[in-house]
Protein backbone atom coordinates (compact mmCIF):
# COMPACT_ATOMS: atom_id res chain seq x y z
CA MET A 1 12.19 -7.71 -17.96
CA THR A 2 12.43 -10.23 -15.32
CA ILE A 3 9.14 -11.78 -14.03
CA HIS A 4 9.08 -11.95 -10.29
CA LEU A 5 6.42 -14.29 -8.92
CA LEU A 6 5.24 -14.13 -5.25
CA VAL A 7 3.57 -17.67 -4.29
CA VAL A 8 1.60 -17.90 -1.33
CA GLU A 9 1.33 -21.74 -0.66
CA PRO A 10 1.77 -23.57 2.76
CA ASN A 11 2.34 -26.95 0.92
CA GLN A 12 5.90 -27.64 0.16
CA GLU A 13 5.44 -30.12 -2.46
CA SER A 14 3.22 -27.59 -4.32
CA ARG A 15 5.95 -24.98 -4.05
CA ASP A 16 8.81 -27.05 -5.12
CA THR A 17 6.81 -28.44 -8.05
CA LEU A 18 5.91 -25.06 -9.25
CA ARG A 19 9.56 -23.66 -8.64
CA SER A 20 11.03 -26.58 -10.92
CA HIS A 21 8.84 -25.25 -13.71
CA VAL A 22 9.22 -21.42 -13.36
CA GLN A 23 12.92 -21.60 -13.44
CA ARG A 24 12.95 -23.42 -16.89
CA HIS A 25 11.07 -20.22 -17.90
CA LYS A 26 13.58 -17.84 -16.16
CA ILE A 27 10.94 -16.62 -13.61
CA GLU A 28 12.11 -15.54 -10.40
CA MET A 29 9.93 -16.90 -7.55
CA SER A 30 9.81 -16.24 -3.79
CA VAL A 31 7.40 -17.76 -1.51
CA LEU A 32 5.22 -17.06 1.67
CA TYR A 33 3.77 -20.07 3.74
CA ASN A 34 0.62 -18.12 4.88
CA THR A 35 -1.09 -14.78 4.51
CA GLU A 36 -0.16 -13.37 7.78
CA SER A 37 2.96 -11.42 6.58
CA LEU A 38 1.65 -10.57 3.05
CA GLU A 39 1.17 -6.80 3.57
CA ARG A 40 4.62 -6.38 5.17
CA ARG A 41 6.11 -8.34 2.26
CA LEU A 42 4.53 -5.93 -0.23
CA GLU A 43 6.13 -2.94 1.84
CA LEU A 44 9.45 -4.58 1.22
CA GLU A 45 9.00 -5.21 -2.56
CA VAL A 46 6.07 -5.56 -4.96
CA PRO A 47 6.49 -8.51 -7.22
CA SER A 48 5.12 -8.73 -10.68
CA LEU A 49 2.23 -11.08 -9.82
CA ILE A 50 0.92 -13.00 -6.72
CA VAL A 51 -0.34 -16.64 -7.07
CA MET A 52 -2.17 -17.20 -3.75
CA ARG A 53 -3.78 -20.41 -2.21
CA HIS A 54 -7.11 -20.17 -0.89
CA GLY A 55 -9.38 -22.48 0.84
CA LEU A 56 -6.87 -24.13 3.34
CA PRO A 57 -7.27 -23.26 7.13
CA GLU A 58 -3.95 -21.49 7.28
CA VAL A 59 -4.67 -19.40 3.96
CA ASP A 60 -7.65 -17.34 3.39
CA GLY A 61 -6.75 -16.10 -0.10
CA LEU A 62 -9.91 -14.25 -0.80
CA ALA A 63 -9.70 -12.17 2.52
CA ALA A 64 -6.06 -11.54 1.79
CA LEU A 65 -7.04 -10.67 -1.94
CA ARG A 66 -9.60 -8.00 -0.45
CA ARG A 67 -7.05 -6.58 1.97
CA VAL A 68 -4.14 -6.07 -1.00
CA ARG A 69 -6.77 -4.38 -3.09
CA SER A 70 -7.92 -2.22 -0.54
CA LEU A 71 -4.54 -1.03 0.12
CA GLY A 72 -3.98 0.10 -3.31
CA TYR A 73 -1.90 -2.62 -4.93
CA ASP A 74 -3.16 -3.13 -8.40
CA LEU A 75 -0.60 -5.97 -9.50
CA PRO A 76 -2.07 -9.13 -11.12
CA MET A 77 -3.15 -11.68 -8.68
CA ILE A 78 -4.13 -15.28 -9.47
CA ILE A 79 -6.21 -17.52 -6.88
CA VAL A 80 -5.56 -21.00 -6.52
CA SER A 81 -8.16 -23.47 -5.13
CA ARG A 82 -9.57 -26.86 -4.88
CA SER A 83 -12.93 -25.48 -4.92
CA ASP A 84 -14.62 -25.35 -8.37
CA ASP A 85 -17.80 -23.55 -6.86
CA VAL A 86 -18.89 -20.94 -9.12
CA VAL A 87 -19.82 -18.52 -6.31
CA ASP A 88 -16.05 -18.89 -5.23
CA LYS A 89 -14.82 -17.94 -8.48
CA VAL A 90 -17.22 -15.15 -8.96
CA LEU A 91 -16.47 -13.72 -5.71
CA ALA A 92 -12.70 -13.90 -6.47
CA PHE A 93 -13.18 -12.24 -9.61
CA GLU A 94 -15.47 -9.39 -7.66
CA LEU A 95 -12.74 -8.90 -5.16
CA GLY A 96 -10.07 -8.20 -7.83
CA ALA A 97 -8.50 -11.45 -8.91
CA ASN A 98 -7.21 -11.73 -12.40
CA ASP A 99 -7.59 -15.57 -12.82
CA TYR A 100 -8.85 -18.52 -10.85
CA VAL A 101 -7.11 -21.72 -11.10
CA VAL A 102 -8.73 -25.02 -9.83
CA ASP A 103 -6.64 -28.01 -8.38
CA PRO A 104 -5.52 -30.31 -9.52
CA HIS A 105 -3.86 -28.28 -12.44
CA ASP A 106 -0.56 -28.64 -14.77
CA PRO A 107 2.16 -26.06 -13.62
CA ARG A 108 2.56 -25.37 -17.49
CA GLU A 109 -1.21 -24.07 -17.50
CA LEU A 110 -0.57 -21.94 -14.58
CA ILE A 111 2.63 -20.38 -16.12
CA ALA A 112 0.52 -19.75 -19.38
CA ARG A 113 -2.00 -18.07 -16.99
CA VAL A 114 0.55 -16.00 -15.22
CA ARG A 115 1.86 -14.70 -18.64
CA ASN A 116 -1.60 -14.04 -19.65
CA ALA A 117 -2.39 -11.97 -16.62
CA LEU A 118 0.94 -9.91 -17.00
CA ARG A 119 -0.35 -8.96 -20.57
CA SER A 120 -3.78 -8.10 -19.45
CA GLY A 121 -2.81 -5.88 -16.49
CA PRO A 122 -4.62 -5.10 -13.51
CA PRO A 123 -8.49 -6.11 -13.43
CA SER A 124 -10.38 -2.86 -14.36
CA LYS A 125 -12.68 -2.73 -11.36
CA ALA A 126 -9.99 -3.55 -8.69
CA PRO A 127 -10.89 -1.04 -5.77
CA LEU A 128 -8.39 1.52 -4.66
CA HIS A 129 -8.52 2.45 -1.18
CA ILE A 130 -8.34 6.27 -1.55
CA GLU A 131 -11.08 8.31 0.10
CA ARG A 132 -13.62 9.49 -2.22
CA ASN A 133 -15.55 11.69 -0.05
CA PRO A 134 -14.48 15.14 0.69
CA ILE A 135 -11.59 15.38 3.27
CA SER A 136 -11.07 17.88 5.93
CA PHE A 137 -8.14 18.49 8.23
CA ASP A 138 -7.60 21.54 10.38
CA ASP A 139 -8.55 24.60 8.33
CA PHE A 140 -8.23 22.82 4.67
CA GLU A 141 -10.93 21.31 2.61
CA VAL A 142 -10.03 18.82 -0.07
CA ASP A 143 -12.75 18.36 -2.73
CA ILE A 144 -11.76 15.17 -4.47
CA ALA A 145 -14.59 15.38 -7.06
CA ASP A 146 -13.49 18.64 -8.43
CA ARG A 147 -9.85 18.25 -7.54
CA VAL A 148 -9.57 21.55 -5.38
CA LEU A 149 -7.98 22.12 -2.27
CA ALA A 150 -9.01 25.03 -0.16
CA ARG A 151 -7.65 26.68 3.01
CA GLY A 152 -10.00 28.87 4.89
CA GLY A 153 -12.35 29.01 1.71
CA VAL A 154 -9.16 30.15 -0.57
CA GLU A 155 -8.21 27.62 -3.20
CA VAL A 156 -4.62 26.51 -3.02
CA PRO A 157 -3.20 25.74 -6.40
CA LEU A 158 -1.75 22.10 -7.05
CA ARG A 159 -0.46 20.16 -9.71
CA SER A 160 -2.03 17.00 -10.56
CA THR A 161 0.58 14.80 -8.91
CA GLU A 162 0.65 16.96 -5.83
CA PHE A 163 -3.35 16.58 -5.47
CA ALA A 164 -3.17 12.78 -5.99
CA LEU A 165 -0.43 12.58 -3.11
CA LEU A 166 -2.34 14.74 -0.87
CA VAL A 167 -5.56 12.43 -1.38
CA VAL A 168 -3.27 9.45 -0.50
CA LEU A 169 -1.53 10.88 2.69
CA ALA A 170 -4.72 12.75 4.17
CA SER A 171 -6.78 9.34 3.68
CA HIS A 172 -4.34 7.78 6.09
CA PRO A 173 -3.65 10.39 8.86
CA MET A 174 -1.18 9.30 11.44
CA ARG A 175 -0.08 6.16 9.67
CA VAL A 176 3.45 5.45 8.19
CA LEU A 177 3.30 4.72 4.67
CA SER A 178 6.37 3.23 2.97
CA ARG A 179 7.39 4.84 -0.51
CA VAL A 180 6.74 1.67 -2.26
CA ARG A 181 2.97 1.60 -1.16
CA ILE A 182 2.50 5.38 -1.88
CA LEU A 183 4.05 4.96 -5.32
CA ASN A 184 1.57 2.06 -5.89
CA MET A 185 -1.20 3.82 -4.68
CA LEU A 186 -0.30 6.80 -7.05
CA ARG A 187 0.09 4.63 -10.11
CA ARG A 188 -3.58 4.83 -11.34
CA HIS A 189 -3.77 8.57 -11.00
CA CYS A 190 -0.51 9.95 -12.14
CA SER A 191 2.98 8.96 -13.09
CA VAL A 192 5.45 9.42 -10.44
CA THR A 193 8.97 7.78 -10.38
CA GLU A 194 10.85 6.67 -7.25
CA ARG A 195 13.03 9.72 -7.57
CA GLY A 196 10.20 12.03 -8.52
CA LEU A 197 8.29 11.17 -5.35
CA ASP A 198 10.91 13.48 -3.31
CA VAL A 199 10.02 16.48 -5.47
CA VAL A 200 6.37 16.06 -5.24
CA VAL A 201 6.35 15.72 -1.56
CA PHE A 202 8.79 18.94 -1.46
CA ARG A 203 6.19 20.75 -3.48
CA LEU A 204 3.10 19.58 -1.61
CA ARG A 205 4.83 20.69 1.65
CA ALA A 206 5.59 23.96 0.18
CA ALA A 207 1.80 24.32 -0.94
CA LEU A 208 0.49 23.38 2.35
CA LYS A 209 2.83 25.46 4.39
CA LEU A 210 2.89 25.08 8.15
CA SER A 211 -0.30 24.05 10.21
CA PRO A 212 -1.84 26.29 12.70
CA MET A 213 0.25 25.12 15.30
CA GLY A 214 3.41 25.46 13.17
CA ARG A 215 4.15 22.13 12.22
CA GLN A 216 5.01 20.44 8.77
CA TYR A 217 1.94 18.37 7.60
CA ILE A 218 4.25 15.63 6.04
CA LYS A 219 6.75 13.92 8.26
CA THR A 220 9.73 12.09 6.96
CA LEU A 221 10.65 9.09 8.70
CA ARG A 222 13.98 7.91 7.61
CA GLY A 223 13.77 4.27 6.41
CA GLU A 224 10.19 3.99 7.09
CA GLY A 225 8.47 6.38 4.76
CA TYR A 226 6.09 9.47 5.16
CA MET A 227 3.35 10.35 7.65
CA PHE A 228 0.70 12.81 7.37
CA ALA A 229 0.11 14.59 10.80
CA PRO A 230 -2.33 17.16 10.82
CA ASP A 231 -2.88 19.26 14.07
CA GLU A 232 -6.45 17.69 14.81
CA ALA A 233 -5.02 14.07 14.82
CA LEU A 234 -2.45 14.73 17.37
CA PRO A 235 -2.96 14.07 21.06
CA ARG A 236 -3.60 16.65 23.32
CA HIS A 237 -1.49 16.92 26.72
CA GLY A 238 -2.64 20.13 28.06
CA ALA A 239 0.19 22.44 26.37
CA SER A 240 -0.61 23.14 22.89
CA ASP A 241 2.99 23.60 21.70
CA GLY A 242 6.30 23.41 23.09
CA ARG A 243 7.23 26.82 21.86
CA GLU A 244 4.81 28.81 24.21
CA ASP A 245 6.88 27.87 27.11
CA GLY A 246 10.18 29.19 25.76
CA ARG A 247 11.62 25.62 24.72
CA GLU A 248 13.60 25.43 21.37
CA GLY A 249 12.36 22.35 19.25
CA GLY A 250 9.13 21.69 21.13
CA ASP A 251 7.46 20.63 18.14
CA ASP A 252 10.20 17.79 17.05
CA VAL A 253 10.12 16.66 20.93
CA HIS A 254 6.35 16.29 20.75
CA MET A 255 6.27 14.60 17.40
CA LEU A 256 8.74 12.20 18.68
CA GLY A 257 6.58 11.06 21.48
CA VAL A 258 3.75 10.63 19.13
CA VAL A 259 5.65 9.12 16.29
CA ALA A 260 7.99 6.78 18.12
CA PRO A 261 5.51 4.03 19.36
CA ILE A 262 3.91 4.11 15.88
CA VAL A 263 7.40 3.69 14.27
CA ALA A 264 8.35 1.02 16.65
CA ASP A 265 5.35 -1.00 15.89
CA GLU A 266 5.83 -0.58 12.10
CA ARG A 267 9.31 -1.47 12.33
CA MET A 268 8.58 -4.65 14.24
CA ARG A 269 6.08 -5.76 11.82
CA PHE A 270 8.57 -4.92 8.98
CA GLU A 271 11.30 -6.89 10.40
CA SER A 272 8.92 -9.78 11.32
CA ALA A 273 7.91 -9.74 7.50
CA ALA A 274 11.53 -9.62 6.18
CA ARG A 275 12.29 -12.85 8.34
CA HIS A 276 9.23 -14.61 6.90
CA ALA A 277 10.08 -13.63 3.33
CA LEU A 278 13.65 -15.23 3.30
């Protein structure tokens, strides 16, 4: 399997030195100059491992590490820093780093640590940003501890994959989640393939049925991903539903007005990240 390394390093000399070594080991390498576009870069593609600089003004590696873990990504991550302070090392490991390399270092050592981190897998205590407390939306109650979904006090049967997907989506209402990010957030809870995700979404939609206002809870945004849209999260504009005044397709028109600015913002960030990743 090809190893794809994402290196977050502002110093060109350091990038070039590492690239010359990884090419000898048949490792693919892409780079980011700072952490600003890291989140959107991961929306495009999840690498095998991230090597991230920490301690420079333009790169706060530990803050980025915390953010990546909070978003649910559990891929191996190695921090590279000039600081050999034990506090920095402990903090990095507590935030979910797999390894910590102090400069100056030999690129051969870093490559060995990369291979070791890939063998070891993600850190066991890496946090996953999925809500653990019970979740409520409209007339539904999601008991995460007992893995039970109830509507109006009546249990709604779900497969384990459907329940895991519901927790992921309901924890991020009115937010567009890409397929890649959803799959990464599900990975610790169940095994779902790229193609299998469509099936799980279809089954979950069927189980949830329509909202009290007659809407689908899971919106598909072509080329963007999925968005969970309960009635209670929608803005109120005086009229509760377009169908009440006799207009056909009122739900779609209303949702377009809600989703359009969200998608536009997501797309702008997505395209910006793509340009930086080239």
